[in-house]
mmCIF file of all heavy atoms, coordinates in Angstrom:
data_MODEL
# 
_entry.id   MODEL 
# 
loop_
_atom_site.group_PDB 
_atom_site.id 
_atom_site.type_symbol 
_atom_site.label_atom_id 
_atom_site.label_alt_id 
_atom_site.label_comp_id 
_atom_site.label_asym_id 
_atom_site.label_entity_id 
_atom_site.label_seq_id 
_atom_site.pdbx_PDB_ins_code 
_atom_site.Cartn_x 
_atom_site.Cartn_y 
_atom_site.Cartn_z 
_atom_site.occupancy 
_atom_site.B_iso_or_equiv 
_atom_site.pdbx_formal_charge 
_atom_site.auth_seq_id 
_atom_site.auth_comp_id 
_atom_site.auth_asym_id 
_atom_site.auth_atom_id 
_atom_site.pdbx_PDB_model_num 
ATOM 1   N N   . ARG A 1 1  ? 8.114   -8.885  15.057  1.00 0.00 ? 1  ARG A N   1 
ATOM 2   C CA  . ARG A 1 1  ? 8.316   -7.779  14.112  1.00 0.00 ? 1  ARG A CA  1 
ATOM 3   C C   . ARG A 1 1  ? 7.010   -7.494  13.383  1.00 0.00 ? 1  ARG A C   1 
ATOM 4   O O   . ARG A 1 1  ? 6.129   -8.360  13.279  1.00 0.00 ? 1  ARG A O   1 
ATOM 5   C CB  . ARG A 1 1  ? 9.417   -8.115  13.112  1.00 0.00 ? 1  ARG A CB  1 
ATOM 6   C CG  . ARG A 1 1  ? 9.076   -9.244  12.160  1.00 0.00 ? 1  ARG A CG  1 
ATOM 7   C CD  . ARG A 1 1  ? 10.274  -9.673  11.330  1.00 0.00 ? 1  ARG A CD  1 
ATOM 8   N NE  . ARG A 1 1  ? 9.908   -10.732 10.387  1.00 0.00 ? 1  ARG A NE  1 
ATOM 9   C CZ  . ARG A 1 1  ? 9.808   -12.014 10.674  1.00 0.00 ? 1  ARG A CZ  1 
ATOM 10  N NH1 . ARG A 1 1  ? 10.053  -12.431 11.903  1.00 0.00 ? 1  ARG A NH1 1 
ATOM 11  N NH2 . ARG A 1 1  ? 9.458   -12.897 9.759   1.00 0.00 ? 1  ARG A NH2 1 
ATOM 12  N N   . GLU A 1 2  ? 6.889   -6.276  12.857  1.00 0.00 ? 2  GLU A N   1 
ATOM 13  C CA  . GLU A 1 2  ? 5.674   -5.885  12.147  1.00 0.00 ? 2  GLU A CA  1 
ATOM 14  C C   . GLU A 1 2  ? 5.590   -6.595  10.792  1.00 0.00 ? 2  GLU A C   1 
ATOM 15  O O   . GLU A 1 2  ? 6.602   -7.058  10.250  1.00 0.00 ? 2  GLU A O   1 
ATOM 16  C CB  . GLU A 1 2  ? 5.656   -4.360  11.962  1.00 0.00 ? 2  GLU A CB  1 
ATOM 17  C CG  . GLU A 1 2  ? 4.398   -3.803  11.305  1.00 0.00 ? 2  GLU A CG  1 
ATOM 18  C CD  . GLU A 1 2  ? 3.115   -4.072  12.069  1.00 0.00 ? 2  GLU A CD  1 
ATOM 19  O OE1 . GLU A 1 2  ? 2.679   -5.251  12.091  1.00 0.00 ? 2  GLU A OE1 1 
ATOM 20  O OE2 . GLU A 1 2  ? 2.537   -3.113  12.620  1.00 0.00 ? 2  GLU A OE2 1 
ATOM 21  N N   . ILE A 1 3  ? 4.380   -6.673  10.261  1.00 0.00 ? 3  ILE A N   1 
ATOM 22  C CA  . ILE A 1 3  ? 4.172   -7.250  8.933   1.00 0.00 ? 3  ILE A CA  1 
ATOM 23  C C   . ILE A 1 3  ? 4.922   -6.411  7.892   1.00 0.00 ? 3  ILE A C   1 
ATOM 24  O O   . ILE A 1 3  ? 5.102   -5.201  8.052   1.00 0.00 ? 3  ILE A O   1 
ATOM 25  C CB  . ILE A 1 3  ? 2.658   -7.291  8.604   1.00 0.00 ? 3  ILE A CB  1 
ATOM 26  C CG1 . ILE A 1 3  ? 2.383   -8.163  7.382   1.00 0.00 ? 3  ILE A CG1 1 
ATOM 27  C CG2 . ILE A 1 3  ? 2.092   -5.893  8.420   1.00 0.00 ? 3  ILE A CG2 1 
ATOM 28  C CD1 . ILE A 1 3  ? 0.900   -8.447  7.162   1.00 0.00 ? 3  ILE A CD1 1 
ATOM 29  N N   . CYS A 1 4  ? 5.380   -7.057  6.828   1.00 0.00 ? 4  CYS A N   1 
ATOM 30  C CA  . CYS A 1 4  ? 6.046   -6.350  5.740   1.00 0.00 ? 4  CYS A CA  1 
ATOM 31  C C   . CYS A 1 4  ? 5.013   -5.876  4.725   1.00 0.00 ? 4  CYS A C   1 
ATOM 32  O O   . CYS A 1 4  ? 4.198   -6.685  4.244   1.00 0.00 ? 4  CYS A O   1 
ATOM 33  C CB  . CYS A 1 4  ? 7.069   -7.259  5.059   1.00 0.00 ? 4  CYS A CB  1 
ATOM 34  S SG  . CYS A 1 4  ? 7.836   -6.515  3.590   1.00 0.00 ? 4  CYS A SG  1 
ATOM 35  N N   . PHE A 1 5  ? 5.034   -4.593  4.417   1.00 0.00 ? 5  PHE A N   1 
ATOM 36  C CA  . PHE A 1 5  ? 4.096   -4.029  3.448   1.00 0.00 ? 5  PHE A CA  1 
ATOM 37  C C   . PHE A 1 5  ? 4.638   -4.040  2.020   1.00 0.00 ? 5  PHE A C   1 
ATOM 38  O O   . PHE A 1 5  ? 4.025   -3.464  1.113   1.00 0.00 ? 5  PHE A O   1 
ATOM 39  C CB  . PHE A 1 5  ? 3.708   -2.608  3.859   1.00 0.00 ? 5  PHE A CB  1 
ATOM 40  C CG  . PHE A 1 5  ? 2.941   -2.548  5.159   1.00 0.00 ? 5  PHE A CG  1 
ATOM 41  C CD1 . PHE A 1 5  ? 3.495   -1.941  6.280   1.00 0.00 ? 5  PHE A CD1 1 
ATOM 42  C CD2 . PHE A 1 5  ? 1.683   -3.109  5.268   1.00 0.00 ? 5  PHE A CD2 1 
ATOM 43  C CE1 . PHE A 1 5  ? 2.804   -1.888  7.477   1.00 0.00 ? 5  PHE A CE1 1 
ATOM 44  C CE2 . PHE A 1 5  ? 0.977   -3.073  6.456   1.00 0.00 ? 5  PHE A CE2 1 
ATOM 45  C CZ  . PHE A 1 5  ? 1.541   -2.455  7.577   1.00 0.00 ? 5  PHE A CZ  1 
ATOM 46  N N   . GLY A 1 6  ? 5.768   -4.680  1.813   1.00 0.00 ? 6  GLY A N   1 
ATOM 47  C CA  . GLY A 1 6  ? 6.283   -4.886  0.463   1.00 0.00 ? 6  GLY A CA  1 
ATOM 48  C C   . GLY A 1 6  ? 6.519   -3.597  -0.293  1.00 0.00 ? 6  GLY A C   1 
ATOM 49  O O   . GLY A 1 6  ? 7.181   -2.665  0.179   1.00 0.00 ? 6  GLY A O   1 
ATOM 50  N N   . ASP A 1 7  ? 5.960   -3.525  -1.497  1.00 0.00 ? 7  ASP A N   1 
ATOM 51  C CA  . ASP A 1 7  ? 6.169   -2.363  -2.367  1.00 0.00 ? 7  ASP A CA  1 
ATOM 52  C C   . ASP A 1 7  ? 5.488   -1.110  -1.844  1.00 0.00 ? 7  ASP A C   1 
ATOM 53  O O   . ASP A 1 7  ? 5.718   -0.010  -2.359  1.00 0.00 ? 7  ASP A O   1 
ATOM 54  C CB  . ASP A 1 7  ? 5.644   -2.669  -3.774  1.00 0.00 ? 7  ASP A CB  1 
ATOM 55  C CG  . ASP A 1 7  ? 6.372   -3.833  -4.429  1.00 0.00 ? 7  ASP A CG  1 
ATOM 56  O OD1 . ASP A 1 7  ? 7.549   -4.057  -4.078  1.00 0.00 ? 7  ASP A OD1 1 
ATOM 57  O OD2 . ASP A 1 7  ? 5.762   -4.531  -5.264  1.00 0.00 ? 7  ASP A OD2 1 
ATOM 58  N N   . ALA A 1 8  ? 4.647   -1.263  -0.819  1.00 0.00 ? 8  ALA A N   1 
ATOM 59  C CA  . ALA A 1 8  ? 3.943   -0.121  -0.247  1.00 0.00 ? 8  ALA A CA  1 
ATOM 60  C C   . ALA A 1 8  ? 4.643   0.436   0.993   1.00 0.00 ? 8  ALA A C   1 
ATOM 61  O O   . ALA A 1 8  ? 4.141   1.366   1.622   1.00 0.00 ? 8  ALA A O   1 
ATOM 62  C CB  . ALA A 1 8  ? 2.512   -0.521  0.116   1.00 0.00 ? 8  ALA A CB  1 
ATOM 63  N N   . GLU A 1 9  ? 5.810   -0.102  1.333   1.00 0.00 ? 9  GLU A N   1 
ATOM 64  C CA  . GLU A 1 9  ? 6.525   0.369   2.523   1.00 0.00 ? 9  GLU A CA  1 
ATOM 65  C C   . GLU A 1 9  ? 6.760   1.880   2.453   1.00 0.00 ? 9  GLU A C   1 
ATOM 66  O O   . GLU A 1 9  ? 7.247   2.407   1.451   1.00 0.00 ? 9  GLU A O   1 
ATOM 67  C CB  . GLU A 1 9  ? 7.870   -0.341  2.660   1.00 0.00 ? 9  GLU A CB  1 
ATOM 68  C CG  . GLU A 1 9  ? 7.797   -1.752  3.177   1.00 0.00 ? 9  GLU A CG  1 
ATOM 69  C CD  . GLU A 1 9  ? 7.556   -1.839  4.682   1.00 0.00 ? 9  GLU A CD  1 
ATOM 70  O OE1 . GLU A 1 9  ? 7.825   -0.852  5.388   1.00 0.00 ? 9  GLU A OE1 1 
ATOM 71  O OE2 . GLU A 1 9  ? 7.100   -2.899  5.140   1.00 0.00 ? 9  GLU A OE2 1 
ATOM 72  N N   . GLY A 1 10 ? 6.407   2.551   3.541   1.00 0.00 ? 10 GLY A N   1 
ATOM 73  C CA  . GLY A 1 10 ? 6.650   3.979   3.662   1.00 0.00 ? 10 GLY A CA  1 
ATOM 74  C C   . GLY A 1 10 ? 5.612   4.863   3.008   1.00 0.00 ? 10 GLY A C   1 
ATOM 75  O O   . GLY A 1 10 ? 5.682   6.091   3.119   1.00 0.00 ? 10 GLY A O   1 
ATOM 76  N N   . MET A 1 11 ? 4.622   4.283   2.352   1.00 0.00 ? 11 MET A N   1 
ATOM 77  C CA  . MET A 1 11 ? 3.598   5.077   1.667   1.00 0.00 ? 11 MET A CA  1 
ATOM 78  C C   . MET A 1 11 ? 2.445   5.424   2.605   1.00 0.00 ? 11 MET A C   1 
ATOM 79  O O   . MET A 1 11 ? 2.200   4.740   3.597   1.00 0.00 ? 11 MET A O   1 
ATOM 80  C CB  . MET A 1 11 ? 3.030   4.303   0.475   1.00 0.00 ? 11 MET A CB  1 
ATOM 81  C CG  . MET A 1 11 ? 3.978   4.078   -0.674  1.00 0.00 ? 11 MET A CG  1 
ATOM 82  S SD  . MET A 1 11 ? 3.116   3.245   -2.055  1.00 0.00 ? 11 MET A SD  1 
ATOM 83  C CE  . MET A 1 11 ? 4.412   3.184   -3.272  1.00 0.00 ? 11 MET A CE  1 
ATOM 84  N N   . THR A 1 12 ? 1.727   6.487   2.273   1.00 0.00 ? 12 THR A N   1 
ATOM 85  C CA  . THR A 1 12 ? 0.456   6.788   2.926   1.00 0.00 ? 12 THR A CA  1 
ATOM 86  C C   . THR A 1 12 ? -0.638  5.966   2.234   1.00 0.00 ? 12 THR A C   1 
ATOM 87  O O   . THR A 1 12 ? -0.414  5.392   1.154   1.00 0.00 ? 12 THR A O   1 
ATOM 88  C CB  . THR A 1 12 ? 0.092   8.270   2.804   1.00 0.00 ? 12 THR A CB  1 
ATOM 89  O OG1 . THR A 1 12 ? -0.101  8.587   1.414   1.00 0.00 ? 12 THR A OG1 1 
ATOM 90  C CG2 . THR A 1 12 ? 1.195   9.153   3.369   1.00 0.00 ? 12 THR A CG2 1 
ATOM 91  N N   . ARG A 1 13 ? -1.813  5.952   2.814   1.00 0.00 ? 13 ARG A N   1 
ATOM 92  C CA  . ARG A 1 13 ? -2.919  5.235   2.184   1.00 0.00 ? 13 ARG A CA  1 
ATOM 93  C C   . ARG A 1 13 ? -3.227  5.809   0.801   1.00 0.00 ? 13 ARG A C   1 
ATOM 94  O O   . ARG A 1 13 ? -3.491  5.075   -0.150  1.00 0.00 ? 13 ARG A O   1 
ATOM 95  C CB  . ARG A 1 13 ? -4.169  5.284   3.065   1.00 0.00 ? 13 ARG A CB  1 
ATOM 96  C CG  . ARG A 1 13 ? -5.333  4.445   2.502   1.00 0.00 ? 13 ARG A CG  1 
ATOM 97  C CD  . ARG A 1 13 ? -6.573  4.534   3.351   1.00 0.00 ? 13 ARG A CD  1 
ATOM 98  N NE  . ARG A 1 13 ? -7.667  3.805   2.723   1.00 0.00 ? 13 ARG A NE  1 
ATOM 99  C CZ  . ARG A 1 13 ? -8.056  2.592   3.071   1.00 0.00 ? 13 ARG A CZ  1 
ATOM 100 N NH1 . ARG A 1 13 ? -7.432  1.947   4.036   1.00 0.00 ? 13 ARG A NH1 1 
ATOM 101 N NH2 . ARG A 1 13 ? -9.077  2.014   2.451   1.00 0.00 ? 13 ARG A NH2 1 
ATOM 102 N N   . GLU A 1 14 ? -3.175  7.128   0.707   1.00 0.00 ? 14 GLU A N   1 
ATOM 103 C CA  . GLU A 1 14 ? -3.466  7.783   -0.571  1.00 0.00 ? 14 GLU A CA  1 
ATOM 104 C C   . GLU A 1 14 ? -2.411  7.442   -1.622  1.00 0.00 ? 14 GLU A C   1 
ATOM 105 O O   . GLU A 1 14 ? -2.743  7.237   -2.802  1.00 0.00 ? 14 GLU A O   1 
ATOM 106 C CB  . GLU A 1 14 ? -3.555  9.295   -0.370  1.00 0.00 ? 14 GLU A CB  1 
ATOM 107 C CG  . GLU A 1 14 ? -4.728  9.770   0.471   1.00 0.00 ? 14 GLU A CG  1 
ATOM 108 C CD  . GLU A 1 14 ? -4.580  9.487   1.961   1.00 0.00 ? 14 GLU A CD  1 
ATOM 109 O OE1 . GLU A 1 14 ? -3.423  9.293   2.419   1.00 0.00 ? 14 GLU A OE1 1 
ATOM 110 O OE2 . GLU A 1 14 ? -5.616  9.463   2.660   1.00 0.00 ? 14 GLU A OE2 1 
ATOM 111 N N   . GLU A 1 15 ? -1.159  7.364   -1.207  1.00 0.00 ? 15 GLU A N   1 
ATOM 112 C CA  . GLU A 1 15 ? -0.092  7.005   -2.147  1.00 0.00 ? 15 GLU A CA  1 
ATOM 113 C C   . GLU A 1 15 ? -0.228  5.555   -2.600  1.00 0.00 ? 15 GLU A C   1 
ATOM 114 O O   . GLU A 1 15 ? 0.040   5.241   -3.766  1.00 0.00 ? 15 GLU A O   1 
ATOM 115 C CB  . GLU A 1 15 ? 1.270   7.243   -1.497  1.00 0.00 ? 15 GLU A CB  1 
ATOM 116 C CG  . GLU A 1 15 ? 1.603   8.728   -1.346  1.00 0.00 ? 15 GLU A CG  1 
ATOM 117 C CD  . GLU A 1 15 ? 2.803   8.985   -0.448  1.00 0.00 ? 15 GLU A CD  1 
ATOM 118 O OE1 . GLU A 1 15 ? 3.235   8.056   0.284   1.00 0.00 ? 15 GLU A OE1 1 
ATOM 119 O OE2 . GLU A 1 15 ? 3.312   10.122  -0.465  1.00 0.00 ? 15 GLU A OE2 1 
ATOM 120 N N   . ILE A 1 16 ? -0.649  4.690   -1.686  1.00 0.00 ? 16 ILE A N   1 
ATOM 121 C CA  . ILE A 1 16 ? -0.888  3.288   -2.071  1.00 0.00 ? 16 ILE A CA  1 
ATOM 122 C C   . ILE A 1 16 ? -2.026  3.217   -3.072  1.00 0.00 ? 16 ILE A C   1 
ATOM 123 O O   . ILE A 1 16 ? -1.958  2.484   -4.065  1.00 0.00 ? 16 ILE A O   1 
ATOM 124 C CB  . ILE A 1 16 ? -1.196  2.436   -0.825  1.00 0.00 ? 16 ILE A CB  1 
ATOM 125 C CG1 . ILE A 1 16 ? 0.024   2.378   0.106   1.00 0.00 ? 16 ILE A CG1 1 
ATOM 126 C CG2 . ILE A 1 16 ? -1.623  1.021   -1.226  1.00 0.00 ? 16 ILE A CG2 1 
ATOM 127 C CD1 . ILE A 1 16 ? -0.260  1.755   1.459   1.00 0.00 ? 16 ILE A CD1 1 
ATOM 128 N N   . ASP A 1 17 ? -3.060  3.975   -2.831  1.00 0.00 ? 17 ASP A N   1 
ATOM 129 C CA  . ASP A 1 17 ? -4.220  3.977   -3.733  1.00 0.00 ? 17 ASP A CA  1 
ATOM 130 C C   . ASP A 1 17 ? -3.818  4.443   -5.124  1.00 0.00 ? 17 ASP A C   1 
ATOM 131 O O   . ASP A 1 17 ? -4.272  3.892   -6.138  1.00 0.00 ? 17 ASP A O   1 
ATOM 132 C CB  . ASP A 1 17 ? -5.307  4.887   -3.167  1.00 0.00 ? 17 ASP A CB  1 
ATOM 133 C CG  . ASP A 1 17 ? -6.611  4.754   -3.918  1.00 0.00 ? 17 ASP A CG  1 
ATOM 134 O OD1 . ASP A 1 17 ? -7.070  3.610   -4.121  1.00 0.00 ? 17 ASP A OD1 1 
ATOM 135 O OD2 . ASP A 1 17 ? -7.190  5.786   -4.311  1.00 0.00 ? 17 ASP A OD2 1 
ATOM 136 N N   . ALA A 1 18 ? -2.944  5.451   -5.191  1.00 0.00 ? 18 ALA A N   1 
ATOM 137 C CA  . ALA A 1 18 ? -2.507  5.965   -6.486  1.00 0.00 ? 18 ALA A CA  1 
ATOM 138 C C   . ALA A 1 18 ? -1.595  4.964   -7.201  1.00 0.00 ? 18 ALA A C   1 
ATOM 139 O O   . ALA A 1 18 ? -1.687  4.790   -8.422  1.00 0.00 ? 18 ALA A O   1 
ATOM 140 C CB  . ALA A 1 18 ? -1.777  7.294   -6.300  1.00 0.00 ? 18 ALA A CB  1 
ATOM 141 N N   . ALA A 1 19 ? -0.721  4.299   -6.447  1.00 0.00 ? 19 ALA A N   1 
ATOM 142 C CA  . ALA A 1 19 ? 0.237   3.374   -7.059  1.00 0.00 ? 19 ALA A CA  1 
ATOM 143 C C   . ALA A 1 19 ? -0.404  2.026   -7.406  1.00 0.00 ? 19 ALA A C   1 
ATOM 144 O O   . ALA A 1 19 ? -0.018  1.388   -8.393  1.00 0.00 ? 19 ALA A O   1 
ATOM 145 C CB  . ALA A 1 19 ? 1.424   3.158   -6.121  1.00 0.00 ? 19 ALA A CB  1 
ATOM 146 N N   . PHE A 1 20 ? -1.357  1.612   -6.602  1.00 0.00 ? 20 PHE A N   1 
ATOM 147 C CA  . PHE A 1 20 ? -2.004  0.295   -6.781  1.00 0.00 ? 20 PHE A CA  1 
ATOM 148 C C   . PHE A 1 20 ? -3.513  0.485   -6.690  1.00 0.00 ? 20 PHE A C   1 
ATOM 149 O O   . PHE A 1 20 ? -4.140  0.159   -5.669  1.00 0.00 ? 20 PHE A O   1 
ATOM 150 C CB  . PHE A 1 20 ? -1.508  -0.691  -5.716  1.00 0.00 ? 20 PHE A CB  1 
ATOM 151 C CG  . PHE A 1 20 ? -0.001  -0.748  -5.581  1.00 0.00 ? 20 PHE A CG  1 
ATOM 152 C CD1 . PHE A 1 20 ? 0.650   -0.093  -4.538  1.00 0.00 ? 20 PHE A CD1 1 
ATOM 153 C CD2 . PHE A 1 20 ? 0.763   -1.447  -6.511  1.00 0.00 ? 20 PHE A CD2 1 
ATOM 154 C CE1 . PHE A 1 20 ? 2.028   -0.140  -4.407  1.00 0.00 ? 20 PHE A CE1 1 
ATOM 155 C CE2 . PHE A 1 20 ? 2.150   -1.496  -6.392  1.00 0.00 ? 20 PHE A CE2 1 
ATOM 156 C CZ  . PHE A 1 20 ? 2.783   -0.833  -5.342  1.00 0.00 ? 20 PHE A CZ  1 
ATOM 157 N N   . PRO A 1 21 ? -4.129  1.025   -7.735  1.00 0.00 ? 21 PRO A N   1 
ATOM 158 C CA  . PRO A 1 21 ? -5.532  1.462   -7.658  1.00 0.00 ? 21 PRO A CA  1 
ATOM 159 C C   . PRO A 1 21 ? -6.537  0.361   -7.340  1.00 0.00 ? 21 PRO A C   1 
ATOM 160 O O   . PRO A 1 21 ? -7.641  0.662   -6.866  1.00 0.00 ? 21 PRO A O   1 
ATOM 161 C CB  . PRO A 1 21 ? -5.790  2.082   -9.033  1.00 0.00 ? 21 PRO A CB  1 
ATOM 162 C CG  . PRO A 1 21 ? -4.703  1.557   -9.916  1.00 0.00 ? 21 PRO A CG  1 
ATOM 163 C CD  . PRO A 1 21 ? -3.525  1.336   -9.045  1.00 0.00 ? 21 PRO A CD  1 
ATOM 164 N N   . ASP A 1 22 ? -6.209  -0.890  -7.588  1.00 0.00 ? 22 ASP A N   1 
ATOM 165 C CA  . ASP A 1 22 ? -7.162  -1.962  -7.313  1.00 0.00 ? 22 ASP A CA  1 
ATOM 166 C C   . ASP A 1 22 ? -6.909  -2.655  -5.969  1.00 0.00 ? 22 ASP A C   1 
ATOM 167 O O   . ASP A 1 22 ? -7.657  -3.554  -5.584  1.00 0.00 ? 22 ASP A O   1 
ATOM 168 C CB  . ASP A 1 22 ? -7.089  -3.022  -8.428  1.00 0.00 ? 22 ASP A CB  1 
ATOM 169 C CG  . ASP A 1 22 ? -7.437  -2.441  -9.789  1.00 0.00 ? 22 ASP A CG  1 
ATOM 170 O OD1 . ASP A 1 22 ? -8.319  -1.565  -9.847  1.00 0.00 ? 22 ASP A OD1 1 
ATOM 171 O OD2 . ASP A 1 22 ? -6.812  -2.854  -10.791 1.00 0.00 ? 22 ASP A OD2 1 
ATOM 172 N N   . PHE A 1 23 ? -5.867  -2.215  -5.271  1.00 0.00 ? 23 PHE A N   1 
ATOM 173 C CA  . PHE A 1 23 ? -5.460  -2.970  -4.088  1.00 0.00 ? 23 PHE A CA  1 
ATOM 174 C C   . PHE A 1 23 ? -6.465  -2.909  -2.951  1.00 0.00 ? 23 PHE A C   1 
ATOM 175 O O   . PHE A 1 23 ? -6.864  -3.939  -2.406  1.00 0.00 ? 23 PHE A O   1 
ATOM 176 C CB  . PHE A 1 23 ? -4.099  -2.491  -3.580  1.00 0.00 ? 23 PHE A CB  1 
ATOM 177 C CG  . PHE A 1 23 ? -3.786  -3.020  -2.209  1.00 0.00 ? 23 PHE A CG  1 
ATOM 178 C CD1 . PHE A 1 23 ? -3.510  -4.372  -2.025  1.00 0.00 ? 23 PHE A CD1 1 
ATOM 179 C CD2 . PHE A 1 23 ? -3.833  -2.194  -1.083  1.00 0.00 ? 23 PHE A CD2 1 
ATOM 180 C CE1 . PHE A 1 23 ? -3.256  -4.891  -0.755  1.00 0.00 ? 23 PHE A CE1 1 
ATOM 181 C CE2 . PHE A 1 23 ? -3.582  -2.702  0.182   1.00 0.00 ? 23 PHE A CE2 1 
ATOM 182 C CZ  . PHE A 1 23 ? -3.297  -4.049  0.343   1.00 0.00 ? 23 PHE A CZ  1 
ATOM 183 N N   . TRP A 1 24 ? -6.864  -1.703  -2.527  1.00 0.00 ? 24 TRP A N   1 
ATOM 184 C CA  . TRP A 1 24 ? -7.687  -1.601  -1.316  1.00 0.00 ? 24 TRP A CA  1 
ATOM 185 C C   . TRP A 1 24 ? -8.991  -2.355  -1.450  1.00 0.00 ? 24 TRP A C   1 
ATOM 186 O O   . TRP A 1 24 ? -9.430  -3.036  -0.511  1.00 0.00 ? 24 TRP A O   1 
ATOM 187 C CB  . TRP A 1 24 ? -7.953  -0.136  -0.971  1.00 0.00 ? 24 TRP A CB  1 
ATOM 188 C CG  . TRP A 1 24 ? -6.766  0.553   -0.385  1.00 0.00 ? 24 TRP A CG  1 
ATOM 189 C CD1 . TRP A 1 24 ? -6.085  1.609   -0.914  1.00 0.00 ? 24 TRP A CD1 1 
ATOM 190 C CD2 . TRP A 1 24 ? -6.098  0.233   0.838   1.00 0.00 ? 24 TRP A CD2 1 
ATOM 191 N NE1 . TRP A 1 24 ? -5.032  1.962   -0.104  1.00 0.00 ? 24 TRP A NE1 1 
ATOM 192 C CE2 . TRP A 1 24 ? -5.016  1.140   0.987   1.00 0.00 ? 24 TRP A CE2 1 
ATOM 193 C CE3 . TRP A 1 24 ? -6.296  -0.733  1.824   1.00 0.00 ? 24 TRP A CE3 1 
ATOM 194 C CZ2 . TRP A 1 24 ? -4.155  1.115   2.069   1.00 0.00 ? 24 TRP A CZ2 1 
ATOM 195 C CZ3 . TRP A 1 24 ? -5.440  -0.767  2.916   1.00 0.00 ? 24 TRP A CZ3 1 
ATOM 196 C CH2 . TRP A 1 24 ? -4.381  0.150   3.034   1.00 0.00 ? 24 TRP A CH2 1 
ATOM 197 N N   . ALA A 1 25 ? -9.613  -2.268  -2.617  1.00 0.00 ? 25 ALA A N   1 
ATOM 198 C CA  . ALA A 1 25 ? -10.892 -2.970  -2.804  1.00 0.00 ? 25 ALA A CA  1 
ATOM 199 C C   . ALA A 1 25 ? -10.692 -4.475  -2.664  1.00 0.00 ? 25 ALA A C   1 
ATOM 200 O O   . ALA A 1 25 ? -11.494 -5.170  -2.017  1.00 0.00 ? 25 ALA A O   1 
ATOM 201 C CB  . ALA A 1 25 ? -11.488 -2.632  -4.166  1.00 0.00 ? 25 ALA A CB  1 
ATOM 202 N N   . ALA A 1 26 ? -9.611  -4.994  -3.248  1.00 0.00 ? 26 ALA A N   1 
ATOM 203 C CA  . ALA A 1 26 ? -9.337  -6.430  -3.164  1.00 0.00 ? 26 ALA A CA  1 
ATOM 204 C C   . ALA A 1 26 ? -8.977  -6.841  -1.740  1.00 0.00 ? 26 ALA A C   1 
ATOM 205 O O   . ALA A 1 26 ? -9.429  -7.884  -1.242  1.00 0.00 ? 26 ALA A O   1 
ATOM 206 C CB  . ALA A 1 26 ? -8.210  -6.800  -4.125  1.00 0.00 ? 26 ALA A CB  1 
# 
């Protein structure tokens, strides 16, 4: 099965960036 993206399930990259602004850099 695919990895679970948790609270980011179903989001686009841009939506993840808006919801979790420090995530991608980390």
